[in-house]
Protein backbone atom coordinates (compact mmCIF):
# COMPACT_ATOMS: atom_id res chain seq x y z
CA MET A 1 4.22 -0.31 6.38
CA ASN A 2 0.99 -2.38 7.03
CA PRO A 3 0.04 -0.91 10.49
CA ARG A 4 -0.50 -3.47 13.15
CA THR A 5 -1.92 -1.62 16.12
CA ALA A 6 -4.43 1.11 16.86
CA GLU A 7 -1.24 3.34 17.64
CA ASP A 8 -0.15 2.60 14.21
CA TRP A 9 -3.40 3.80 12.47
CA GLN A 10 -3.68 6.80 14.58
CA LYS A 11 0.06 7.73 13.58
CA ARG A 12 -0.84 7.48 9.98
CA TYR A 13 -3.85 9.84 10.38
CA GLU A 14 -1.68 12.38 12.59
CA THR A 15 1.20 12.25 10.07
CA GLY A 16 -1.06 12.55 6.97
CA ASP A 17 0.32 9.34 5.65
CA THR A 18 -3.06 8.04 4.46
CA PRO A 19 -2.72 7.34 0.61
CA TRP A 20 -6.23 5.84 0.65
CA ASP A 21 -7.89 9.01 1.90
CA THR A 22 -8.35 10.87 -1.55
CA GLY A 23 -11.43 12.86 -0.59
CA GLN A 24 -13.62 11.17 -3.18
CA PRO A 25 -15.96 8.39 -3.05
CA ASP A 26 -14.70 5.13 -4.41
CA SER A 27 -15.42 4.56 -8.03
CA GLU A 28 -16.58 0.98 -7.43
CA LEU A 29 -19.11 2.05 -4.66
CA VAL A 30 -20.29 4.59 -7.10
CA ARG A 31 -20.69 2.20 -9.85
CA ILE A 32 -22.32 -0.48 -7.60
CA LEU A 33 -24.89 1.92 -6.44
CA GLN A 34 -25.39 3.37 -10.03
CA GLU A 35 -26.20 -0.32 -11.32
CA GLY A 36 -28.99 -0.50 -8.52
CA TRP A 37 -27.42 -3.46 -6.83
CA PHE A 38 -29.32 -2.31 -3.47
CA SER A 39 -32.04 0.00 -2.47
CA PRO A 40 -31.21 2.38 0.31
CA CYS A 41 -30.95 0.40 3.42
CA ARG A 42 -29.30 0.17 6.93
CA CYS A 43 -25.39 -0.10 6.22
CA VAL A 44 -22.17 -0.17 7.95
CA GLU A 45 -18.92 1.03 6.70
CA ILE A 46 -15.99 -0.91 8.42
CA GLY A 47 -12.56 1.00 8.69
CA CYS A 48 -14.31 4.30 7.42
CA GLY A 49 -11.41 6.60 7.88
CA THR A 50 -12.36 10.21 7.48
CA GLY A 51 -15.81 9.13 6.27
CA THR A 52 -15.90 9.99 2.43
CA ASN A 53 -17.65 6.96 1.63
CA ALA A 54 -19.96 6.72 4.44
CA ILE A 55 -21.00 10.26 3.58
CA TYR A 56 -21.44 9.43 0.03
CA LEU A 57 -23.71 6.58 0.94
CA ALA A 58 -25.83 8.74 3.43
CA GLN A 59 -26.27 11.27 0.68
CA HIS A 60 -27.74 8.55 -1.54
CA GLY A 61 -30.45 7.61 1.20
CA PHE A 62 -28.70 4.99 3.25
CA GLU A 63 -29.01 4.80 6.85
CA VAL A 64 -25.35 4.70 7.82
CA THR A 65 -23.20 3.43 10.73
CA ALA A 66 -19.42 3.72 10.10
CA PHE A 67 -16.56 2.82 12.36
CA ASP A 68 -12.76 3.16 12.51
CA ILE A 69 -10.08 2.12 15.10
CA SER A 70 -8.47 5.87 14.85
CA PRO A 71 -10.06 8.47 17.08
CA LEU A 72 -8.69 11.10 14.98
CA ALA A 73 -9.95 9.74 11.76
CA ILE A 74 -13.64 9.40 13.31
CA GLU A 75 -13.08 13.02 14.57
CA LYS A 76 -12.45 14.17 11.22
CA ALA A 77 -15.34 12.08 9.82
CA ARG A 78 -17.67 13.72 11.97
CA LYS A 79 -16.74 17.23 11.07
CA LYS A 80 -17.02 16.26 7.50
CA ALA A 81 -20.51 14.98 7.69
CA ASP A 82 -21.46 18.09 9.64
CA ALA A 83 -20.37 20.08 6.56
CA ALA A 84 -21.98 17.96 4.18
CA ALA A 85 -25.04 18.29 6.49
CA VAL A 86 -25.90 14.73 6.40
CA SER A 87 -26.65 12.20 9.44
CA VAL A 88 -23.94 9.26 9.98
CA THR A 89 -23.45 7.44 13.06
CA PHE A 90 -19.50 7.53 13.41
CA VAL A 91 -18.06 5.34 16.23
CA VAL A 92 -14.63 4.40 17.22
CA GLY A 93 -14.21 0.44 17.00
CA ASP A 94 -12.14 -2.49 16.10
CA VAL A 95 -13.41 -4.67 13.33
CA PHE A 96 -12.05 -7.90 15.38
CA GLU A 97 -14.61 -6.92 18.02
CA PRO A 98 -17.20 -4.66 16.42
CA PRO A 99 -19.32 -2.34 18.58
CA ASP A 100 -22.83 -3.91 19.32
CA PHE A 101 -25.11 -2.07 16.73
CA GLY A 102 -28.21 -4.32 17.63
CA GLU A 103 -29.67 -5.76 14.34
CA PRO A 104 -27.35 -6.96 11.73
CA PHE A 105 -26.88 -4.61 8.88
CA SER A 106 -28.19 -5.27 5.06
CA LEU A 107 -24.71 -3.95 3.60
CA VAL A 108 -21.18 -3.90 4.78
CA PHE A 109 -18.95 -1.69 2.88
CA ASP A 110 -15.21 -2.44 3.26
CA ARG A 111 -12.59 -0.43 1.43
CA GLY A 112 -9.35 -1.86 2.38
CA VAL A 113 -10.03 -3.58 5.81
CA TYR A 114 -9.93 -7.20 5.13
CA HIS A 115 -6.71 -7.05 2.94
CA SER A 116 -5.13 -5.02 5.86
CA VAL A 117 -6.01 -7.32 8.83
CA ARG A 118 -6.35 -10.91 7.26
CA GLU A 119 -2.73 -11.63 8.42
CA LEU A 120 -3.28 -10.69 11.83
CA GLY A 121 -6.12 -13.01 12.14
CA VAL A 122 -8.62 -14.00 9.42
CA ALA A 123 -10.71 -15.91 11.70
CA LYS A 124 -11.30 -13.25 14.00
CA PHE A 125 -12.12 -10.78 11.18
CA LEU A 126 -14.73 -13.20 9.91
CA ALA A 127 -16.25 -13.69 13.42
CA GLY A 128 -16.59 -9.98 13.46
CA LEU A 129 -18.00 -9.84 9.89
CA ARG A 130 -20.53 -12.49 10.92
CA ARG A 131 -21.78 -10.27 13.99
CA LEU A 132 -22.53 -7.44 11.70
CA THR A 133 -24.57 -9.32 8.95
CA ALA A 134 -27.23 -11.78 8.53
CA PRO A 135 -28.14 -14.33 5.77
CA GLY A 136 -28.69 -12.32 2.71
CA SER A 137 -26.60 -9.32 3.69
CA TRP A 138 -24.57 -7.80 1.23
CA TYR A 139 -20.75 -7.56 1.56
CA LEU A 140 -18.83 -5.16 -0.84
CA ALA A 141 -15.05 -5.58 -0.27
CA LEU A 142 -12.35 -3.57 -2.23
CA MET A 143 -8.89 -5.35 -1.97
CA GLY A 144 -5.46 -5.30 -3.17
CA ASN A 145 -4.83 -7.50 -6.10
CA ALA A 146 -1.85 -9.95 -6.13
CA ASP A 147 -1.41 -9.68 -9.63
CA ASP A 148 -0.26 -6.34 -9.39
CA PRO A 149 3.12 -6.48 -11.19
CA THR A 150 4.48 -3.29 -9.18
CA PRO A 151 6.66 -3.51 -6.04
CA LYS A 152 4.64 -4.70 -3.03
CA GLU A 153 5.75 -1.71 -1.03
CA LYS A 154 3.80 0.52 -3.67
CA GLY A 155 0.41 -0.05 -2.83
CA PRO A 156 -1.90 -1.74 -0.23
CA PRO A 157 -1.83 -5.37 0.84
CA ARG A 158 -2.74 -7.91 -1.79
CA VAL A 159 -4.74 -11.02 -1.92
CA SER A 160 -5.11 -13.56 -4.61
CA VAL A 161 -8.43 -15.08 -6.14
CA ARG A 162 -7.55 -18.53 -4.23
CA GLN A 163 -7.34 -16.72 -0.81
CA ILE A 164 -10.50 -14.81 -1.39
CA ALA A 165 -12.21 -18.15 -2.04
CA GLU A 166 -10.57 -19.91 0.69
CA GLU A 167 -11.18 -17.40 3.26
CA LEU A 168 -14.53 -15.68 2.31
CA GLU A 169 -16.47 -18.01 0.28
CA PRO A 170 -17.50 -20.46 2.93
CA ASP A 171 -19.51 -17.71 4.61
CA PHE A 172 -20.09 -15.39 1.56
CA GLU A 173 -21.38 -16.27 -1.84
CA VAL A 174 -19.19 -14.54 -4.81
CA TRP A 175 -21.75 -12.57 -6.81
CA GLN A 176 -19.17 -10.50 -8.48
CA LEU A 177 -15.22 -10.36 -8.55
CA ARG A 178 -13.74 -7.95 -10.97
CA ARG A 179 -10.48 -6.06 -11.34
CA TYR A 180 -10.39 -2.28 -10.82
CA GLN A 181 -7.92 0.42 -9.83
CA PHE A 182 -7.73 1.97 -6.43
CA GLU A 183 -7.10 5.72 -6.66
CA ALA A 184 -4.62 6.77 -3.90
CA VAL A 185 -2.62 9.79 -3.12
CA ASP A 186 1.03 9.86 -1.81
CA LEU A 187 2.25 12.22 0.51
CA ASN A 188 3.31 14.71 -2.31
CA GLY A 189 -0.19 14.85 -3.75
CA ARG A 190 0.54 12.41 -6.75
CA VAL A 191 -2.20 10.30 -7.65
CA PHE A 192 -1.29 6.46 -8.09
CA ARG A 193 -3.41 3.54 -9.00
CA PRO A 194 -2.80 0.28 -7.63
CA LEU A 195 -4.52 -2.88 -9.08
CA GLY A 196 -7.42 -3.97 -6.90
CA TRP A 197 -10.16 -6.56 -6.70
CA SER A 198 -13.88 -5.35 -6.40
CA GLY A 199 -15.70 -8.22 -4.68
CA LEU A 200 -19.40 -8.26 -4.07
CA PHE A 201 -20.45 -11.02 -1.95
CA ARG A 202 -23.71 -12.42 0.10
CA ARG A 203 -24.09 -14.03 3.19
CA ARG A 204 -25.09 -17.64 2.85
CA GLY A 205 -28.20 -18.95 4.39
CA TYR A 206 -30.68 -16.50 2.73
């Protein structure tokens, strides 16, 4: 199921039907940081879930704000940050109408939001993304890959290279686009690895 409302997402967290919530930072976020693409900066994670990646960023010196539409996810994220003894500003918020955080962020991290909401309103999503960024801001987006040969119901929503180019490229210059495999966990605890895209973009106009 592709959740379409705040209630849908909340129910997923209530029932534990959250295959994306592996408890480990995403391998692509780890790679990008290890390769030194950005120095620690003010950043935001959209659709942060229970906060694993936001906490990882904070542990590596970033000033992190993170939001999710599910209050339960945010509650769990705050507890995890306290347990990890790191400071992250966790907020309940909607990517279509992001909270007002003041100054734009130097980096936006998105593990699975764009591919989940684009069919609900890609123009609204991009408007929200523009509010969070400024010319020169980085956008790291992890997405399901339309080339995945497995049945569509087994994994995240999928996008093609053409869709990425048509929808994101007018505002965000493509710096890197590569195939990789998401790590996900089913309700029985079994790990599976859907095919994904790792896209590193930069807001035009810098």
